Amino acid sequence: MSTRPDESLARIPGPWTHRSVHAGNGMFHVVEAGDGPLVLLLHGFPQFWWTWRHQLVSLAAAGYRAVAVDLRGYGASDKPPRGYDLPSLAGSMAGLVRALGETCATVVGHDWGGLVAWTMGVTDPKVVHRLVTVSAPHPLRLRQGMLTDPFGQLRASFHLFGHQLPWRPERRLTKNAAAQVGRLLESWSGPGLLEEGAADTYRDAFRIPTVAHCALEYHRWFIRSQLRPDGARYRRLMRTEIEMPTLQMHGSLDTCMLPRTAQGSSRYVAAPYRWRLLDGVGHFPHEERPEEFDTELLGWLADPEPDR
């Protein structure tokens, strides 16, 4: 492991190209492969763009322009002091689609990236051609699950409350070469686990200066805004129904975002909607079972009228 971690750790070589793109008052590190209709890939916690390495290859081979981005505060993207609320994150990703020279994209989001994707579907519907959320309940369903399921989703989300303290959670995440990141990945994935060495890559990326702090700011906004006017405004906004075709994928063994929490999300979708529960898979279906995941995703993308 590198003794002085820096952003070069996020520029992992492969059959893709790296570049930085200005969007939404910031610079974002993007990784691109292929040509065709744009598919924007948004990662979750505690990861970075590399979580989509399999999909960058399969989407490009299937005739799509796949772009995976380091979300604000992660990897080699900008790490500003503010802007970690879901409306700001969604706005910056809508800006990124336009900065990539496109009017709209299929947006695929996992975990926090999924919450950003749901938000984009409401705040920037013209930019989202189709919506795919992975291991990510609709934000209002997540809140409801935490309020009404104390021994289920509230317990599963308990780490969010621990992350409200100042500085101590950052230290806990990064000490011993970010061993805590490896433990989170292991406890949230299914029995197949992630491939050999993957946890080390994520641990390295979390040691890039200020990444841990920025990542935790997402959690702090989500919990603290529940009691503030900006949170009430966001909840009112998110009651707007999603008007684009939506695919929601979830692992049956997900212990971080429970399947029963995610399942009620369809009530917020007025467009064609498909729910796929992947058996024997945990919180990272696109990494744990990439072939099965890609078959579902590509089949749905190729369907001109999904689930009408």
Protein backbone atom coordinates (compact mmCIF):
# COMPACT_ATOMS: atom_id res chain seq x y z
CA MET A 1 0.00 0.00 0.00
CA SER A 2 1.12 3.50 -0.78
CA THR A 3 2.50 5.33 2.27
CA ARG A 4 1.35 8.75 1.02
CA PRO A 5 -1.98 8.18 -0.68
CA ASP A 6 -3.05 10.73 -3.30
CA GLU A 7 -5.59 11.04 -6.10
CA SER A 8 -3.46 8.99 -8.49
CA LEU A 9 -4.83 5.94 -6.62
CA ALA A 10 -8.21 6.61 -8.27
CA ARG A 11 -6.78 6.60 -11.80
CA ILE A 12 -6.67 2.83 -12.23
CA PRO A 13 -5.65 1.78 -15.76
CA GLY A 14 -7.88 -0.45 -17.87
CA PRO A 15 -9.86 -0.58 -21.13
CA TRP A 16 -11.21 2.93 -20.49
CA THR A 17 -10.03 6.54 -20.49
CA HIS A 18 -9.74 8.98 -17.59
CA ARG A 19 -10.44 12.69 -17.73
CA SER A 20 -11.65 15.58 -15.60
CA VAL A 21 -14.84 17.43 -16.50
CA HIS A 22 -16.13 20.76 -15.11
CA ALA A 23 -19.77 20.55 -14.03
CA GLY A 24 -21.96 22.12 -11.35
CA ASN A 25 -19.27 24.43 -9.88
CA GLY A 26 -16.75 21.62 -9.59
CA MET A 27 -14.37 19.26 -11.32
CA PHE A 28 -15.35 15.59 -11.61
CA HIS A 29 -13.10 12.68 -12.45
CA VAL A 30 -14.84 10.52 -15.07
CA VAL A 31 -13.91 7.20 -16.62
CA GLU A 32 -15.28 6.45 -20.10
CA ALA A 33 -15.61 3.46 -22.41
CA GLY A 34 -17.51 2.90 -25.65
CA ASP A 35 -19.67 4.98 -27.99
CA GLY A 36 -23.43 5.28 -28.25
CA PRO A 37 -26.24 6.37 -25.93
CA LEU A 38 -24.86 7.67 -22.62
CA VAL A 39 -25.13 5.53 -19.48
CA LEU A 40 -23.97 7.44 -16.38
CA LEU A 41 -22.82 5.23 -13.48
CA LEU A 42 -22.96 6.61 -9.90
CA HIS A 43 -21.22 4.69 -7.11
CA GLY A 44 -22.07 4.41 -3.41
CA PHE A 45 -20.32 4.29 -0.03
CA PRO A 46 -17.56 3.30 0.74
CA GLN A 47 -16.44 3.00 -2.89
CA PHE A 48 -15.57 5.10 -5.97
CA TRP A 49 -15.96 4.81 -9.77
CA TRP A 50 -14.04 1.48 -9.88
CA THR A 51 -17.09 -0.35 -8.49
CA TRP A 52 -18.42 -0.19 -12.12
CA ARG A 53 -15.32 -1.75 -13.76
CA HIS A 54 -17.30 -4.76 -15.08
CA GLN A 55 -20.16 -2.62 -16.41
CA LEU A 56 -17.80 -0.20 -18.20
CA VAL A 57 -16.65 -3.17 -20.29
CA SER A 58 -20.04 -4.84 -20.85
CA LEU A 59 -21.92 -1.61 -21.64
CA ALA A 60 -19.23 -0.51 -24.11
CA ALA A 61 -19.36 -3.93 -25.81
CA ALA A 62 -23.15 -3.62 -26.09
CA GLY A 63 -22.96 -0.29 -27.93
CA TYR A 64 -23.28 2.26 -25.13
CA ARG A 65 -21.10 5.13 -23.97
CA ALA A 66 -20.49 4.16 -20.35
CA VAL A 67 -19.25 6.90 -18.01
CA ALA A 68 -18.46 6.16 -14.35
CA VAL A 69 -17.83 9.20 -12.16
CA ASP A 70 -16.24 9.80 -8.78
CA LEU A 71 -19.02 11.57 -6.89
CA ARG A 72 -18.22 14.87 -5.17
CA GLY A 73 -15.63 14.31 -2.43
CA TYR A 74 -14.51 10.89 -3.69
CA GLY A 75 -11.51 9.60 -5.65
CA ALA A 76 -10.01 12.23 -7.94
CA SER A 77 -13.05 14.56 -8.01
CA ASP A 78 -13.16 17.92 -6.20
CA LYS A 79 -13.59 17.84 -2.42
CA PRO A 80 -15.26 21.15 -1.49
CA PRO A 81 -16.45 21.93 2.05
CA ARG A 82 -20.14 21.98 1.05
CA GLY A 83 -22.57 20.49 -1.47
CA TYR A 84 -23.20 17.01 0.01
CA ASP A 85 -27.00 17.31 0.14
CA LEU A 86 -28.94 15.21 -2.36
CA PRO A 87 -30.42 18.15 -4.36
CA SER A 88 -26.93 19.67 -4.88
CA LEU A 89 -25.44 16.30 -5.82
CA ALA A 90 -28.28 15.63 -8.26
CA GLY A 91 -27.86 19.07 -9.82
CA SER A 92 -24.13 18.53 -10.34
CA MET A 93 -24.75 15.15 -12.03
CA ALA A 94 -27.36 16.69 -14.33
CA GLY A 95 -24.74 19.33 -15.16
CA LEU A 96 -22.22 16.55 -15.84
CA VAL A 97 -24.55 14.93 -18.42
CA ARG A 98 -24.70 18.26 -20.26
CA ALA A 99 -20.94 18.81 -19.86
CA LEU A 100 -20.41 15.43 -21.53
CA GLY A 101 -22.22 16.88 -24.56
CA GLU A 102 -25.50 15.01 -24.09
CA THR A 103 -29.04 16.23 -23.39
CA CYS A 104 -29.99 13.10 -21.42
CA ALA A 105 -28.66 9.78 -20.14
CA THR A 106 -29.70 6.52 -18.60
CA VAL A 107 -28.64 7.04 -14.98
CA VAL A 108 -27.56 3.96 -12.99
CA GLY A 109 -26.97 4.55 -9.26
CA HIS A 110 -25.87 2.20 -6.48
CA ASP A 111 -26.43 2.94 -2.75
CA TRP A 112 -25.83 6.73 -2.30
CA GLY A 113 -25.46 7.00 -6.07
CA GLY A 114 -28.94 5.46 -6.23
CA LEU A 115 -30.34 8.11 -3.88
CA VAL A 116 -28.76 10.76 -6.14
CA ALA A 117 -30.31 9.03 -9.18
CA TRP A 118 -33.81 8.99 -7.61
CA THR A 119 -33.38 12.69 -6.84
CA MET A 120 -32.29 13.48 -10.42
CA GLY A 121 -35.45 11.74 -11.67
CA VAL A 122 -37.48 14.38 -9.81
CA THR A 123 -35.30 17.52 -9.99
CA ASP A 124 -33.95 17.08 -13.56
CA PRO A 125 -36.40 14.76 -15.34
CA LYS A 126 -35.43 15.99 -18.84
CA VAL A 127 -31.86 14.83 -18.24
CA VAL A 128 -32.83 11.29 -17.14
CA HIS A 129 -33.92 9.15 -20.09
CA ARG A 130 -34.19 6.00 -17.97
CA LEU A 131 -33.48 5.31 -14.30
CA VAL A 132 -31.78 2.28 -12.73
CA THR A 133 -31.35 2.08 -8.95
CA VAL A 134 -29.31 -0.65 -7.30
CA SER A 135 -29.48 -1.41 -3.55
CA ALA A 136 -31.17 1.98 -3.12
CA PRO A 137 -34.72 2.48 -1.86
CA HIS A 138 -36.49 5.68 -2.87
CA PRO A 139 -35.31 8.30 -0.30
CA LEU A 140 -38.81 8.61 1.19
CA ARG A 141 -39.04 4.82 1.52
CA LEU A 142 -35.66 4.76 3.28
CA ARG A 143 -36.85 7.41 5.74
CA GLN A 144 -40.13 5.57 6.30
CA GLY A 145 -38.29 2.29 6.87
CA MET A 146 -36.03 3.91 9.46
CA LEU A 147 -39.04 5.41 11.26
CA THR A 148 -41.35 2.36 11.19
CA ASP A 149 -38.99 -0.66 11.21
CA PRO A 150 -36.81 -0.21 14.34
CA PHE A 151 -35.44 -3.77 14.36
CA GLY A 152 -35.02 -3.82 10.58
CA GLN A 153 -34.01 -0.78 8.52
CA LEU A 154 -33.28 1.46 11.52
CA ARG A 155 -30.85 -1.11 12.92
CA ALA A 156 -29.35 -1.66 9.44
CA SER A 157 -28.81 2.12 9.12
CA PHE A 158 -27.34 2.58 12.58
CA HIS A 159 -23.90 3.42 11.17
CA LEU A 160 -25.45 6.67 9.83
CA PHE A 161 -26.07 7.85 13.39
CA GLY A 162 -22.53 6.98 14.48
CA HIS A 163 -21.28 9.12 11.61
CA GLN A 164 -22.92 12.27 13.04
CA LEU A 165 -20.06 12.84 15.51
CA PRO A 166 -17.32 15.25 14.42
CA TRP A 167 -13.93 13.84 13.29
CA ARG A 168 -14.01 10.60 15.28
CA PRO A 169 -15.80 8.62 12.52
CA GLU A 170 -13.22 9.86 9.99
CA ARG A 171 -10.40 8.57 12.17
CA ARG A 172 -12.14 5.24 12.69
CA LEU A 173 -12.63 4.80 8.93
CA THR A 174 -9.04 5.58 7.98
CA LYS A 175 -6.96 4.06 10.81
CA ASN A 176 -5.01 0.84 10.24
CA ALA A 177 -4.92 1.51 6.48
CA ALA A 178 -8.72 2.00 6.39
CA ALA A 179 -9.40 -1.47 7.80
CA GLN A 180 -12.95 -0.37 8.69
CA VAL A 181 -13.74 0.10 4.98
CA GLY A 182 -12.80 -3.54 4.38
CA ARG A 183 -15.00 -4.66 7.29
CA LEU A 184 -18.01 -2.73 5.94
CA LEU A 185 -17.58 -4.24 2.46
CA GLU A 186 -17.33 -7.73 3.93
CA SER A 187 -20.33 -7.39 6.24
CA TRP A 188 -22.60 -5.93 3.52
CA SER A 189 -21.74 -8.33 0.70
CA GLY A 190 -23.24 -11.79 0.22
CA PRO A 191 -21.48 -15.13 0.63
CA GLY A 192 -19.73 -14.77 -2.76
CA LEU A 193 -17.99 -11.65 -1.42
CA LEU A 194 -16.11 -9.28 -3.69
CA GLU A 195 -13.26 -10.48 -5.83
CA GLU A 196 -9.80 -10.99 -4.32
CA GLY A 197 -8.03 -7.70 -3.65
CA ALA A 198 -11.07 -5.47 -4.28
CA ALA A 199 -11.32 -4.42 -0.63
CA ASP A 200 -7.65 -3.30 -0.70
CA THR A 201 -8.41 -1.01 -3.67
CA TYR A 202 -11.30 0.63 -1.79
CA ARG A 203 -9.23 0.92 1.39
CA ASP A 204 -6.48 2.68 -0.58
CA ALA A 205 -8.97 5.11 -2.16
CA PHE A 206 -10.42 6.01 1.24
CA ARG A 207 -6.98 7.06 2.44
CA ILE A 208 -6.83 9.86 -0.15
CA PRO A 209 -6.86 13.04 1.98
CA THR A 210 -10.35 14.28 2.99
CA VAL A 211 -12.25 11.48 1.16
CA ALA A 212 -13.44 9.96 4.45
CA HIS A 213 -14.66 13.35 5.68
CA CYS A 214 -16.49 14.16 2.43
CA ALA A 215 -18.11 10.70 2.28
CA LEU A 216 -19.43 11.10 5.83
CA GLU A 217 -20.89 14.52 4.98
CA TYR A 218 -23.50 12.72 2.82
CA HIS A 219 -24.62 10.79 5.93
CA ARG A 220 -24.58 13.88 8.12
CA TRP A 221 -26.81 15.83 5.76
CA PHE A 222 -29.28 12.95 5.42
CA ILE A 223 -29.79 12.55 9.19
CA ARG A 224 -29.54 16.21 10.27
CA SER A 225 -31.81 17.51 7.51
CA GLN A 226 -34.68 15.40 8.90
CA LEU A 227 -35.12 18.10 11.54
CA ARG A 228 -34.46 21.15 9.33
CA PRO A 229 -36.44 23.16 6.75
CA ASP A 230 -34.19 21.98 3.88
CA GLY A 231 -35.09 18.37 4.74
CA ALA A 232 -38.81 19.18 4.78
CA ARG A 233 -38.46 20.90 1.39
CA TYR A 234 -36.62 17.89 -0.01
CA ARG A 235 -39.30 15.47 1.22
CA ARG A 236 -42.07 17.58 -0.33
CA LEU A 237 -40.16 17.67 -3.60
CA MET A 238 -39.57 13.90 -3.62
CA ARG A 239 -43.31 13.16 -3.47
CA THR A 240 -43.32 14.04 -7.18
CA GLU A 241 -43.78 10.85 -9.20
CA ILE A 242 -40.97 9.54 -11.42
CA GLU A 243 -41.97 9.83 -15.08
CA MET A 244 -39.25 7.78 -16.81
CA PRO A 245 -38.96 3.95 -17.15
CA THR A 246 -37.36 2.61 -13.97
CA LEU A 247 -35.51 -0.61 -13.15
CA GLN A 248 -34.87 -1.34 -9.48
CA MET A 249 -32.42 -4.13 -8.63
CA HIS A 250 -31.71 -5.44 -5.15
CA GLY A 251 -29.83 -8.31 -3.56
CA SER A 252 -31.96 -10.67 -1.45
CA LEU A 253 -29.22 -10.79 1.22
CA ASP A 254 -28.65 -7.02 1.47
CA THR A 255 -28.18 -6.20 5.18
CA CYS A 256 -27.48 -2.48 4.63
CA MET A 257 -30.56 -1.49 2.59
CA LEU A 258 -33.15 -4.16 3.35
CA PRO A 259 -35.14 -5.57 0.40
CA ARG A 260 -38.42 -4.90 2.22
CA THR A 261 -37.46 -1.22 2.53
CA ALA A 262 -36.67 -0.95 -1.18
CA GLN A 263 -39.74 -2.83 -2.35
CA GLY A 264 -42.24 -0.06 -1.62
CA SER A 265 -40.44 2.37 -3.94
CA SER A 266 -42.74 1.61 -6.88
CA ARG A 267 -45.44 3.85 -5.39
CA TYR A 268 -43.31 6.85 -6.43
CA VAL A 269 -43.00 5.72 -10.07
CA ALA A 270 -45.75 6.60 -12.57
CA ALA A 271 -43.83 5.16 -15.56
CA PRO A 272 -43.10 1.53 -16.56
CA TYR A 273 -41.37 -0.06 -13.57
CA ARG A 274 -39.50 -3.34 -13.08
CA TRP A 275 -38.38 -4.84 -9.76
CA ARG A 276 -35.64 -7.49 -9.76
CA LEU A 277 -34.61 -9.28 -6.56
CA LEU A 278 -31.33 -11.12 -7.15
CA ASP A 279 -31.09 -14.28 -5.05
CA GLY A 280 -28.05 -14.98 -2.92
CA VAL A 281 -26.59 -11.51 -3.46
CA GLY A 282 -25.76 -8.84 -0.88
CA HIS A 283 -25.40 -5.06 -1.16
CA PHE A 284 -23.11 -5.05 -4.24
CA PRO A 285 -24.90 -7.11 -6.95
CA HIS A 286 -23.01 -5.47 -9.83
CA GLU A 287 -19.72 -6.66 -8.30
CA GLU A 288 -20.78 -9.89 -6.59
CA ARG A 289 -22.54 -11.31 -9.68
CA PRO A 290 -21.56 -9.06 -12.60
CA GLU A 291 -22.72 -11.44 -15.36
CA GLU A 292 -26.20 -11.87 -13.87
CA PHE A 293 -26.46 -8.15 -13.15
CA ASP A 294 -25.34 -7.16 -16.66
CA THR A 295 -27.80 -9.59 -18.30
CA GLU A 296 -30.67 -7.91 -16.43
CA LEU A 297 -29.42 -4.39 -17.13
CA LEU A 298 -28.63 -4.86 -20.83
CA GLY A 299 -31.87 -6.76 -21.48
CA TRP A 300 -33.89 -3.94 -19.93
CA LEU A 301 -31.92 -1.21 -21.75
CA ALA A 302 -32.48 -2.99 -25.09
CA ASP A 303 -36.25 -3.26 -24.55
CA PRO A 304 -37.88 -0.33 -26.40
CA GLU A 305 -41.01 -0.50 -24.23
CA PRO A 306 -40.04 -2.02 -20.87
CA ASP A 307 -43.00 -3.36 -18.87
CA ARG A 308 -45.72 -1.38 -20.68
